[in-house]
Amino acid sequence: MSHPEGSKIIMSLADMFREEGKELGKKEMEEILVKNSIKKGLDPHIIEEITGLSKEEIQKIASNVKE
C-alpha cells in the first residue's frame, strides 16, 4: 500500500535537514575563516568586509581563538 502523504512529509523533513546541514557547514566555515584570519593578524575591519559578519560576531569568535 502506498502512502503519498507520508512520502511528502519524509521529503519535507529531508529538505529541512539538508538546509540545516548547509547552514551549519556555512557557520563552521565562517568560524574557521575568522579564526585563521585573526591568527594571521588580519585587521578585524577587513575580516568584517570579507565575511559580512558583524563586529560583534567576529569578536565572539575571536574570544575563542587560542594563540
N, C-alpha and C. Protein backbone atom coordinates (compact mmCIF):
# COMPACT_ATOMS: atom_id res chain seq x y z
N MET A 1 0.84 -1.17 0.00
CA MET A 1 0.00 0.00 0.00
C MET A 1 0.89 1.25 0.00
N SER A 2 0.63 2.21 -0.86
CA SER A 2 1.42 3.43 -0.99
C SER A 2 0.83 4.53 -0.11
N HIS A 3 1.68 5.34 0.46
CA HIS A 3 1.25 6.46 1.30
C HIS A 3 1.89 7.75 0.79
N PRO A 4 1.31 8.37 -0.24
CA PRO A 4 1.90 9.58 -0.81
C PRO A 4 2.04 10.71 0.19
N GLU A 5 1.10 10.82 1.14
CA GLU A 5 1.19 11.88 2.14
C GLU A 5 2.42 11.68 3.02
N GLY A 6 2.68 10.44 3.40
CA GLY A 6 3.86 10.14 4.20
C GLY A 6 5.14 10.43 3.45
N SER A 7 5.14 10.13 2.16
CA SER A 7 6.32 10.40 1.34
C SER A 7 6.60 11.90 1.28
N LYS A 8 5.56 12.70 1.18
CA LYS A 8 5.73 14.16 1.15
C LYS A 8 6.33 14.66 2.46
N ILE A 9 5.85 14.11 3.55
CA ILE A 9 6.37 14.51 4.86
C ILE A 9 7.84 14.14 4.99
N ILE A 10 8.18 12.94 4.58
CA ILE A 10 9.57 12.49 4.66
C ILE A 10 10.47 13.36 3.78
N MET A 11 10.01 13.69 2.59
CA MET A 11 10.81 14.54 1.69
C MET A 11 10.95 15.94 2.28
N SER A 12 9.89 16.45 2.91
CA SER A 12 9.95 17.77 3.54
C SER A 12 10.96 17.76 4.69
N LEU A 13 10.95 16.70 5.47
CA LEU A 13 11.92 16.58 6.56
C LEU A 13 13.34 16.47 6.02
N ALA A 14 13.51 15.70 4.96
CA ALA A 14 14.84 15.56 4.35
C ALA A 14 15.34 16.91 3.85
N ASP A 15 14.47 17.68 3.21
CA ASP A 15 14.84 19.01 2.73
C ASP A 15 15.22 19.92 3.89
N MET A 16 14.45 19.84 4.97
CA MET A 16 14.71 20.66 6.14
C MET A 16 16.08 20.31 6.74
N PHE A 17 16.38 19.02 6.88
CA PHE A 17 17.67 18.61 7.43
C PHE A 17 18.81 18.99 6.50
N ARG A 18 18.60 18.90 5.21
CA ARG A 18 19.62 19.28 4.24
C ARG A 18 19.96 20.77 4.39
N GLU A 19 18.94 21.60 4.51
CA GLU A 19 19.15 23.04 4.68
C GLU A 19 19.85 23.34 5.99
N GLU A 20 19.46 22.63 7.06
CA GLU A 20 20.13 22.81 8.35
C GLU A 20 21.60 22.46 8.24
N GLY A 21 21.90 21.38 7.54
CA GLY A 21 23.29 20.97 7.34
C GLY A 21 24.08 22.00 6.59
N LYS A 22 23.48 22.59 5.56
CA LYS A 22 24.15 23.64 4.79
C LYS A 22 24.46 24.83 5.68
N GLU A 23 23.48 25.22 6.49
CA GLU A 23 23.67 26.37 7.37
C GLU A 23 24.76 26.11 8.41
N LEU A 24 24.76 24.90 8.99
CA LEU A 24 25.80 24.56 9.96
C LEU A 24 27.17 24.56 9.30
N GLY A 25 27.24 24.01 8.11
CA GLY A 25 28.50 23.99 7.38
C GLY A 25 29.00 25.39 7.07
N LYS A 26 28.09 26.27 6.70
CA LYS A 26 28.45 27.66 6.41
C LYS A 26 28.99 28.34 7.66
N LYS A 27 28.31 28.14 8.78
CA LYS A 27 28.75 28.76 10.03
C LYS A 27 30.13 28.24 10.45
N GLU A 28 30.36 26.94 10.29
CA GLU A 28 31.66 26.37 10.62
C GLU A 28 32.76 26.97 9.74
N MET A 29 32.47 27.12 8.46
CA MET A 29 33.46 27.69 7.55
C MET A 29 33.74 29.15 7.88
N GLU A 30 32.70 29.90 8.25
CA GLU A 30 32.90 31.30 8.65
C GLU A 30 33.79 31.37 9.88
N GLU A 31 33.53 30.49 10.86
CA GLU A 31 34.35 30.49 12.08
C GLU A 31 35.80 30.16 11.77
N ILE A 32 36.02 29.18 10.91
CA ILE A 32 37.38 28.81 10.54
C ILE A 32 38.07 29.98 9.86
N LEU A 33 37.36 30.64 8.93
CA LEU A 33 37.93 31.78 8.22
C LEU A 33 38.30 32.90 9.19
N VAL A 34 37.39 33.22 10.11
CA VAL A 34 37.64 34.29 11.07
C VAL A 34 38.81 33.92 11.98
N LYS A 35 38.81 32.71 12.52
CA LYS A 35 39.89 32.28 13.42
C LYS A 35 41.25 32.32 12.72
N ASN A 36 41.32 31.81 11.51
CA ASN A 36 42.59 31.81 10.77
C ASN A 36 43.03 33.23 10.43
N SER A 37 42.08 34.10 10.10
CA SER A 37 42.41 35.48 9.77
C SER A 37 42.96 36.20 10.99
N ILE A 38 42.35 35.96 12.14
CA ILE A 38 42.82 36.58 13.39
C ILE A 38 44.22 36.08 13.73
N LYS A 39 44.44 34.77 13.62
CA LYS A 39 45.75 34.20 13.91
C LYS A 39 46.83 34.77 13.01
N LYS A 40 46.47 35.12 11.77
CA LYS A 40 47.43 35.70 10.82
C LYS A 40 47.58 37.21 11.00
N GLY A 41 46.80 37.78 11.93
CA GLY A 41 46.93 39.20 12.23
C GLY A 41 46.14 40.12 11.32
N LEU A 42 45.15 39.59 10.62
CA LEU A 42 44.34 40.41 9.73
C LEU A 42 43.47 41.36 10.54
N ASP A 43 43.38 42.58 10.09
CA ASP A 43 42.59 43.61 10.76
C ASP A 43 41.12 43.18 10.83
N PRO A 44 40.49 43.33 12.00
CA PRO A 44 39.09 42.94 12.15
C PRO A 44 38.14 43.63 11.16
N HIS A 45 38.45 44.88 10.78
CA HIS A 45 37.61 45.58 9.81
C HIS A 45 37.65 44.88 8.45
N ILE A 46 38.79 44.37 8.09
CA ILE A 46 38.92 43.64 6.82
C ILE A 46 38.16 42.32 6.92
N ILE A 47 38.25 41.65 8.06
CA ILE A 47 37.51 40.40 8.26
C ILE A 47 36.01 40.67 8.12
N GLU A 48 35.55 41.80 8.66
CA GLU A 48 34.14 42.18 8.52
C GLU A 48 33.75 42.31 7.05
N GLU A 49 34.60 43.01 6.29
CA GLU A 49 34.32 43.21 4.87
C GLU A 49 34.30 41.90 4.10
N ILE A 50 35.24 41.02 4.40
CA ILE A 50 35.36 39.76 3.67
C ILE A 50 34.20 38.82 3.99
N THR A 51 33.86 38.71 5.27
CA THR A 51 32.86 37.72 5.68
C THR A 51 31.43 38.25 5.69
N GLY A 52 31.28 39.56 5.86
CA GLY A 52 29.95 40.12 6.00
C GLY A 52 29.40 39.95 7.41
N LEU A 53 30.22 39.42 8.31
CA LEU A 53 29.80 39.25 9.70
C LEU A 53 29.90 40.59 10.43
N SER A 54 29.13 40.74 11.48
CA SER A 54 29.18 41.96 12.28
C SER A 54 30.42 41.95 13.17
N LYS A 55 30.76 43.14 13.66
CA LYS A 55 31.90 43.27 14.57
C LYS A 55 31.68 42.39 15.80
N GLU A 56 30.44 42.34 16.29
CA GLU A 56 30.12 41.55 17.48
C GLU A 56 30.31 40.05 17.22
N GLU A 57 29.88 39.59 16.04
CA GLU A 57 30.03 38.17 15.70
C GLU A 57 31.52 37.81 15.61
N ILE A 58 32.29 38.69 15.02
CA ILE A 58 33.73 38.45 14.89
C ILE A 58 34.40 38.45 16.27
N GLN A 59 34.02 39.38 17.12
CA GLN A 59 34.58 39.42 18.47
C GLN A 59 34.23 38.17 19.26
N LYS A 60 33.01 37.67 19.08
CA LYS A 60 32.59 36.44 19.77
C LYS A 60 33.46 35.27 19.33
N ILE A 61 33.68 35.15 18.03
CA ILE A 61 34.54 34.07 17.51
C ILE A 61 35.98 34.29 17.98
N ALA A 62 36.44 35.53 17.94
CA ALA A 62 37.82 35.86 18.33
C ALA A 62 38.08 35.51 19.79
N SER A 63 37.08 35.61 20.64
CA SER A 63 37.27 35.32 22.05
C SER A 63 37.57 33.84 22.29
N ASN A 64 37.29 33.01 21.30
CA ASN A 64 37.55 31.58 21.42
C ASN A 64 38.85 31.15 20.73
N VAL A 65 39.59 32.11 20.19
CA VAL A 65 40.82 31.77 19.48
C VAL A 65 41.96 31.65 20.49
N LYS A 66 42.66 30.52 20.38
CA LYS A 66 43.83 30.31 21.24
C LYS A 66 45.07 30.53 20.39
N GLU A 67 45.95 31.36 20.89
CA GLU A 67 47.18 31.67 20.15
C GLU A 67 48.17 30.53 20.21
